Amino acid sequence: MKDIITLGIESSCDETSVAIVKNGREVLSNIIDTQIPIHEKYGGVVPEIASRNHIEAISRVTKKALKEAKIGFNDIDVITPTYGPGLVGALLVGLSYAKALSFAINKPLCGVNHLQGHIAANYITYKELTPEFLCMMMSGGNTQIVLVKNYTEFEVLGKTRDDAIGEAFDKVARVVRVRLSWRTKSR
């Protein structure tokens, strides 16, 4: 059976990431271009700045991922960009690049739900894992308990109503950082 090589593109927030995965379980490369230093001075992600930085990074990150995986564009079987949820402008950069690449190299495009991608990452970490299982997902603006019925069917059993755990950690970190800097200045 022929190996299936996937080029995954993630651009839902402030990191441009391209991964090359073999048969859905083996990561050949995973290149991440982070924007954390850019957004730190604003106290959080600025959507327009994130989008512009994705534009600058996406081609470079893709080429680096292919080089690290020791493959070329012709070796790719499918291109899988994140289509949501996330910052609209940031998502559009990854989706537009993926669509253009798909057309240029004549490979199929298969969009991936960001949250389902988090769940699927478990198959890479735990190669023997198969559904059905219970998953506690805590990702940025999302906190959910999900019953994974099979590879494509999910049931959300519970979720937060307002702030997700990731957002709560961000808010606490900002307050602690402000207080720590205040203490340092007062000494």
C-alpha atoms as a PDB file:
ATOM      1  CA  MET A   1       0.000   0.000   0.000  1.00  0.00           C
ATOM      2  CA  LYS A   2       1.302   3.476  -0.931  1.00  0.00           C
ATOM      3  CA  ASP A   3       2.099   5.907   1.862  1.00  0.00           C
ATOM      4  CA  ILE A   4      -0.151   8.991   2.012  1.00  0.00           C
ATOM      5  CA  ILE A   5       1.782  12.224   2.478  1.00  0.00           C
ATOM      6  CA  THR A   6      -0.185  15.169   3.860  1.00  0.00           C
ATOM      7  CA  LEU A   7       0.869  18.810   3.914  1.00  0.00           C
ATOM      8  CA  GLY A   8      -1.021  20.479   6.761  1.00  0.00           C
ATOM      9  CA  ILE A   9      -1.290  24.257   7.108  1.00  0.00           C
ATOM     10  CA  GLU A  10      -2.321  25.906  10.389  1.00  0.00           C
ATOM     11  CA  SER A  11      -2.902  29.670  10.508  1.00  0.00           C
ATOM     12  CA  SER A  12      -5.878  30.122  12.828  1.00  0.00           C
ATOM     13  CA  CYS A  13      -4.289  32.657  15.189  1.00  0.00           C
ATOM     14  CA  ASP A  14      -0.741  33.947  15.620  1.00  0.00           C
ATOM     15  CA  GLU A  15       1.450  31.059  14.497  1.00  0.00           C
ATOM     16  CA  THR A  16       2.098  29.949  10.942  1.00  0.00           C
ATOM     17  CA  SER A  17       2.684  26.209  10.953  1.00  0.00           C
ATOM     18  CA  VAL A  18       3.224  23.685   8.190  1.00  0.00           C
ATOM     19  CA  ALA A  19       3.597  19.979   8.916  1.00  0.00           C
ATOM     20  CA  ILE A  20       4.311  17.042   6.658  1.00  0.00           C
ATOM     21  CA  VAL A  21       2.687  13.834   7.936  1.00  0.00           C
ATOM     22  CA  LYS A  22       2.946  10.296   6.605  1.00  0.00           C
ATOM     23  CA  ASN A  23      -0.123   8.043   6.866  1.00  0.00           C
ATOM     24  CA  GLY A  24      -1.780  10.335   9.397  1.00  0.00           C
ATOM     25  CA  ARG A  25       0.454   9.236  12.268  1.00  0.00           C
ATOM     26  CA  GLU A  26       4.117   9.964  11.520  1.00  0.00           C
ATOM     27  CA  VAL A  27       5.332  13.575  11.531  1.00  0.00           C
ATOM     28  CA  LEU A  28       8.103  14.084   8.987  1.00  0.00           C
ATOM     29  CA  SER A  29       8.415  17.796   9.761  1.00  0.00           C
ATOM     30  CA  ASN A  30       6.587  20.466  11.733  1.00  0.00           C
ATOM     31  CA  ILE A  31       7.747  24.033  11.242  1.00  0.00           C
ATOM     32  CA  ILE A  32       6.238  26.782  13.396  1.00  0.00           C
ATOM     33  CA  ASP A  33       6.779  30.499  12.892  1.00  0.00           C
ATOM     34  CA  THR A  34       5.576  32.155  16.082  1.00  0.00           C
ATOM     35  CA  GLN A  35       4.420  35.752  16.429  1.00  0.00           C
ATOM     36  CA  ILE A  36       4.488  35.834  20.240  1.00  0.00           C
ATOM     37  CA  PRO A  37       7.247  38.486  20.449  1.00  0.00           C
ATOM     38  CA  ILE A  38       5.340  40.709  17.989  1.00  0.00           C
ATOM     39  CA  HIS A  39       2.075  40.615  19.965  1.00  0.00           C
ATOM     40  CA  GLU A  40       3.574  40.783  23.492  1.00  0.00           C
ATOM     41  CA  LYS A  41       3.775  44.561  23.436  1.00  0.00           C
ATOM     42  CA  TYR A  42      -0.001  44.741  22.770  1.00  0.00           C
ATOM     43  CA  GLY A  43      -0.961  42.359  25.595  1.00  0.00           C
ATOM     44  CA  GLY A  44      -2.581  39.914  23.175  1.00  0.00           C
ATOM     45  CA  VAL A  45      -2.986  38.984  19.545  1.00  0.00           C
ATOM     46  CA  VAL A  46      -3.878  41.808  17.148  1.00  0.00           C
ATOM     47  CA  PRO A  47      -5.785  40.116  14.287  1.00  0.00           C
ATOM     48  CA  GLU A  48      -4.637  42.426  11.455  1.00  0.00           C
ATOM     49  CA  ILE A  49      -0.979  42.156  12.500  1.00  0.00           C
ATOM     50  CA  ALA A  50      -1.339  38.375  12.724  1.00  0.00           C
ATOM     51  CA  SER A  51      -2.736  38.187   9.179  1.00  0.00           C
ATOM     52  CA  ARG A  52       0.067  40.290   7.738  1.00  0.00           C
ATOM     53  CA  ASN A  53       2.700  38.160   9.442  1.00  0.00           C
ATOM     54  CA  HIS A  54       1.110  34.976   8.081  1.00  0.00           C
ATOM     55  CA  ILE A  55       1.442  36.431   4.579  1.00  0.00           C
ATOM     56  CA  GLU A  56       5.148  37.046   5.165  1.00  0.00           C
ATOM     57  CA  ALA A  57       5.805  33.603   6.672  1.00  0.00           C
ATOM     58  CA  ILE A  58       3.654  31.041   4.860  1.00  0.00           C
ATOM     59  CA  SER A  59       5.761  30.383   1.772  1.00  0.00           C
ATOM     60  CA  ARG A  60       9.029  30.290   3.737  1.00  0.00           C
ATOM     61  CA  VAL A  61       7.567  27.942   6.373  1.00  0.00           C
ATOM     62  CA  THR A  62       6.180  25.613   3.683  1.00  0.00           C
ATOM     63  CA  LYS A  63       9.523  25.379   1.871  1.00  0.00           C
ATOM     64  CA  LYS A  64      11.328  24.717   5.168  1.00  0.00           C
ATOM     65  CA  ALA A  65       8.838  21.931   6.079  1.00  0.00           C
ATOM     66  CA  LEU A  66       9.341  20.246   2.698  1.00  0.00           C
ATOM     67  CA  LYS A  67      13.124  20.514   3.008  1.00  0.00           C
ATOM     68  CA  GLU A  68      13.145  19.068   6.540  1.00  0.00           C
ATOM     69  CA  ALA A  69      10.896  16.190   5.419  1.00  0.00           C
ATOM     70  CA  LYS A  70      13.233  15.624   2.436  1.00  0.00           C
ATOM     71  CA  ILE A  71      10.384  15.699  -0.079  1.00  0.00           C
ATOM     72  CA  GLY A  72       9.157  17.927  -2.888  1.00  0.00           C
ATOM     73  CA  PHE A  73       5.758  19.286  -3.867  1.00  0.00           C
ATOM     74  CA  ASN A  74       5.211  16.325  -6.217  1.00  0.00           C
ATOM     75  CA  ASP A  75       5.444  13.908  -3.260  1.00  0.00           C
ATOM     76  CA  ILE A  76       2.417  15.496  -1.553  1.00  0.00           C
ATOM     77  CA  ASP A  77      -0.858  13.558  -1.831  1.00  0.00           C
ATOM     78  CA  VAL A  78      -3.226  15.999  -0.119  1.00  0.00           C
ATOM     79  CA  ILE A  79      -3.159  19.552   1.281  1.00  0.00           C
ATOM     80  CA  THR A  80      -5.083  20.129   4.519  1.00  0.00           C
ATOM     81  CA  PRO A  81      -5.470  23.725   5.726  1.00  0.00           C
ATOM     82  CA  THR A  82      -7.323  24.772   8.859  1.00  0.00           C
ATOM     83  CA  TYR A  83     -10.628  26.382   7.809  1.00  0.00           C
ATOM     84  CA  GLY A  84     -11.891  27.434  11.254  1.00  0.00           C
ATOM     85  CA  PRO A  85     -12.560  28.347  13.940  1.00  0.00           C
ATOM     86  CA  GLY A  86     -10.016  31.120  14.361  1.00  0.00           C
ATOM     87  CA  LEU A  87      -9.208  34.672  13.321  1.00  0.00           C
ATOM     88  CA  VAL A  88     -10.854  35.238   9.945  1.00  0.00           C
ATOM     89  CA  GLY A  89      -7.981  37.148   8.338  1.00  0.00           C
ATOM     90  CA  ALA A  90      -5.380  34.672   9.584  1.00  0.00           C
ATOM     91  CA  LEU A  91      -7.429  31.710   8.358  1.00  0.00           C
ATOM     92  CA  LEU A  92      -7.876  33.340   4.946  1.00  0.00           C
ATOM     93  CA  VAL A  93      -4.111  33.534   4.468  1.00  0.00           C
ATOM     94  CA  GLY A  94      -3.628  29.800   5.119  1.00  0.00           C
ATOM     95  CA  LEU A  95      -6.692  28.804   3.103  1.00  0.00           C
ATOM     96  CA  SER A  96      -5.799  31.015   0.142  1.00  0.00           C
ATOM     97  CA  TYR A  97      -2.234  29.712   0.069  1.00  0.00           C
ATOM     98  CA  ALA A  98      -3.467  26.116   0.320  1.00  0.00           C
ATOM     99  CA  LYS A  99      -6.010  26.607  -2.485  1.00  0.00           C
ATOM    100  CA  ALA A 100      -3.412  28.176  -4.762  1.00  0.00           C
ATOM    101  CA  LEU A 101      -0.893  25.438  -3.985  1.00  0.00           C
ATOM    102  CA  SER A 102      -3.520  22.734  -4.536  1.00  0.00           C
ATOM    103  CA  PHE A 103      -4.324  24.209  -7.948  1.00  0.00           C
ATOM    104  CA  ALA A 104      -0.660  24.735  -8.903  1.00  0.00           C
ATOM    105  CA  ILE A 105       0.490  21.185  -8.097  1.00  0.00           C
ATOM    106  CA  ASN A 106      -2.843  19.506  -8.938  1.00  0.00           C
ATOM    107  CA  LYS A 107      -3.366  17.888  -5.526  1.00  0.00           C
ATOM    108  CA  PRO A 108      -6.640  17.575  -3.592  1.00  0.00           C
ATOM    109  CA  LEU A 109      -7.557  20.043  -0.873  1.00  0.00           C
ATOM    110  CA  CYS A 110      -9.290  18.901   2.312  1.00  0.00           C
ATOM    111  CA  GLY A 111     -10.092  21.566   4.918  1.00  0.00           C
ATOM    112  CA  VAL A 112      -9.667  20.668   8.589  1.00  0.00           C
ATOM    113  CA  ASN A 113     -11.716  21.955  11.514  1.00  0.00           C
ATOM    114  CA  HIS A 114      -9.243  23.439  14.005  1.00  0.00           C
ATOM    115  CA  LEU A 115     -10.864  21.774  17.020  1.00  0.00           C
ATOM    116  CA  GLN A 116     -11.061  18.370  15.348  1.00  0.00           C
ATOM    117  CA  GLY A 117      -7.388  18.813  14.460  1.00  0.00           C
ATOM    118  CA  HIS A 118      -6.564  19.122  18.153  1.00  0.00           C
ATOM    119  CA  ILE A 119      -8.399  15.872  18.793  1.00  0.00           C
ATOM    120  CA  ALA A 120      -6.658  14.144  15.854  1.00  0.00           C
ATOM    121  CA  ALA A 121      -3.243  15.177  17.226  1.00  0.00           C
ATOM    122  CA  ASN A 122      -3.753  12.433  19.806  1.00  0.00           C
ATOM    123  CA  TYR A 123      -3.327   9.847  17.023  1.00  0.00           C
ATOM    124  CA  ILE A 124       0.198  11.129  16.450  1.00  0.00           C
ATOM    125  CA  THR A 125       1.152  11.072  20.130  1.00  0.00           C
ATOM    126  CA  TYR A 126      -0.595   7.764  20.869  1.00  0.00           C
ATOM    127  CA  LYS A 127      -0.169   5.673  17.720  1.00  0.00           C
ATOM    128  CA  GLU A 128      -2.265   2.783  19.097  1.00  0.00           C
ATOM    129  CA  LEU A 129      -5.229   5.050  19.911  1.00  0.00           C
ATOM    130  CA  THR A 130      -8.498   4.316  18.130  1.00  0.00           C
ATOM    131  CA  PRO A 131     -11.997   5.655  18.760  1.00  0.00           C
ATOM    132  CA  GLU A 132     -14.152   5.491  20.849  1.00  0.00           C
ATOM    133  CA  PHE A 133     -12.625   7.648  23.601  1.00  0.00           C
ATOM    134  CA  LEU A 134     -13.327  10.681  25.753  1.00  0.00           C
ATOM    135  CA  CYS A 135     -11.261  13.801  25.059  1.00  0.00           C
ATOM    136  CA  MET A 136     -10.775  16.859  27.277  1.00  0.00           C
ATOM    137  CA  MET A 137      -9.843  19.690  24.934  1.00  0.00           C
ATOM    138  CA  MET A 138      -8.391  22.946  26.204  1.00  0.00           C
ATOM    139  CA  SER A 139      -7.250  25.136  23.332  1.00  0.00           C
ATOM    140  CA  GLY A 140      -7.113  28.915  23.539  1.00  0.00           C
ATOM    141  CA  GLY A 141     -10.740  29.990  23.316  1.00  0.00           C
ATOM    142  CA  ASN A 142     -12.180  26.477  23.557  1.00  0.00           C
ATOM    143  CA  THR A 143     -12.689  24.139  26.494  1.00  0.00           C
ATOM    144  CA  GLN A 144     -14.792  21.061  25.753  1.00  0.00           C
ATOM    145  CA  ILE A 145     -15.332  17.485  26.820  1.00  0.00           C
ATOM    146  CA  VAL A 146     -15.826  15.523  23.601  1.00  0.00           C
ATOM    147  CA  LEU A 147     -16.883  11.937  23.008  1.00  0.00           C
ATOM    148  CA  VAL A 148     -14.931  10.796  19.945  1.00  0.00           C
ATOM    149  CA  LYS A 149     -17.251   8.186  18.438  1.00  0.00           C
ATOM    150  CA  ASN A 150     -15.143   7.452  15.357  1.00  0.00           C
ATOM    151  CA  TYR A 151     -12.579   9.295  13.227  1.00  0.00           C
ATOM    152  CA  THR A 152     -15.180  11.744  11.869  1.00  0.00           C
ATOM    153  CA  GLU A 153     -18.024  11.761  14.417  1.00  0.00           C
ATOM    154  CA  PHE A 154     -17.859  13.769  17.645  1.00  0.00           C
ATOM    155  CA  GLU A 155     -20.310  14.617  20.406  1.00  0.00           C
ATOM    156  CA  VAL A 156     -19.662  17.611  22.661  1.00  0.00           C
ATOM    157  CA  LEU A 157     -20.713  16.516  26.148  1.00  0.00           C
ATOM    158  CA  GLY A 158     -19.847  19.776  27.882  1.00  0.00           C
ATOM    159  CA  LYS A 159     -18.137  23.104  27.342  1.00  0.00           C
ATOM    160  CA  THR A 160     -17.544  26.408  29.068  1.00  0.00           C
ATOM    161  CA  ARG A 161     -20.147  29.118  28.642  1.00  0.00           C
ATOM    162  CA  ASP A 162     -17.877  32.152  28.626  1.00  0.00           C
ATOM    163  CA  ASP A 163     -14.098  32.111  29.192  1.00  0.00           C
ATOM    164  CA  ALA A 164     -12.187  29.030  28.188  1.00  0.00           C
ATOM    165  CA  ILE A 165      -9.393  27.755  30.416  1.00  0.00           C
ATOM    166  CA  GLY A 166      -6.731  29.072  27.997  1.00  0.00           C
ATOM    167  CA  GLU A 167      -8.232  32.567  28.062  1.00  0.00           C
ATOM    168  CA  ALA A 168      -8.429  32.473  31.864  1.00  0.00           C
ATOM    169  CA  PHE A 169      -4.718  31.567  32.064  1.00  0.00           C
ATOM    170  CA  ASP A 170      -3.901  34.466  29.704  1.00  0.00           C
ATOM    171  CA  LYS A 171      -5.839  36.936  31.859  1.00  0.00           C
ATOM    172  CA  VAL A 172      -4.224  35.734  35.087  1.00  0.00           C
ATOM    173  CA  ALA A 173      -0.765  35.907  33.487  1.00  0.00           C
ATOM    174  CA  ARG A 174      -1.363  39.516  32.423  1.00  0.00           C
ATOM    175  CA  VAL A 175      -2.458  40.503  35.934  1.00  0.00           C
ATOM    176  CA  VAL A 176       0.469  38.703  37.585  1.00  0.00           C
ATOM    177  CA  ARG A 177       2.934  40.267  35.123  1.00  0.00           C
ATOM    178  CA  VAL A 178       1.569  43.742  35.838  1.00  0.00           C
ATOM    179  CA  ARG A 179       1.766  43.207  39.587  1.00  0.00           C
ATOM    180  CA  LEU A 180       5.269  41.777  39.368  1.00  0.00           C
ATOM    181  CA  SER A 181       6.466  44.760  37.353  1.00  0.00           C
ATOM    182  CA  TRP A 182       4.773  47.116  39.847  1.00  0.00           C
ATOM    183  CA  ARG A 183       6.606  45.391  42.733  1.00  0.00           C
ATOM    184  CA  THR A 184       9.920  45.634  40.955  1.00  0.00           C
ATOM    185  CA  LYS A 185       9.480  49.371  40.317  1.00  0.00           C
ATOM    186  CA  SER A 186       8.520  50.125  43.922  1.00  0.00           C
ATOM    187  CA  ARG A 187      11.727  48.654  45.378  1.00  0.00           C
END
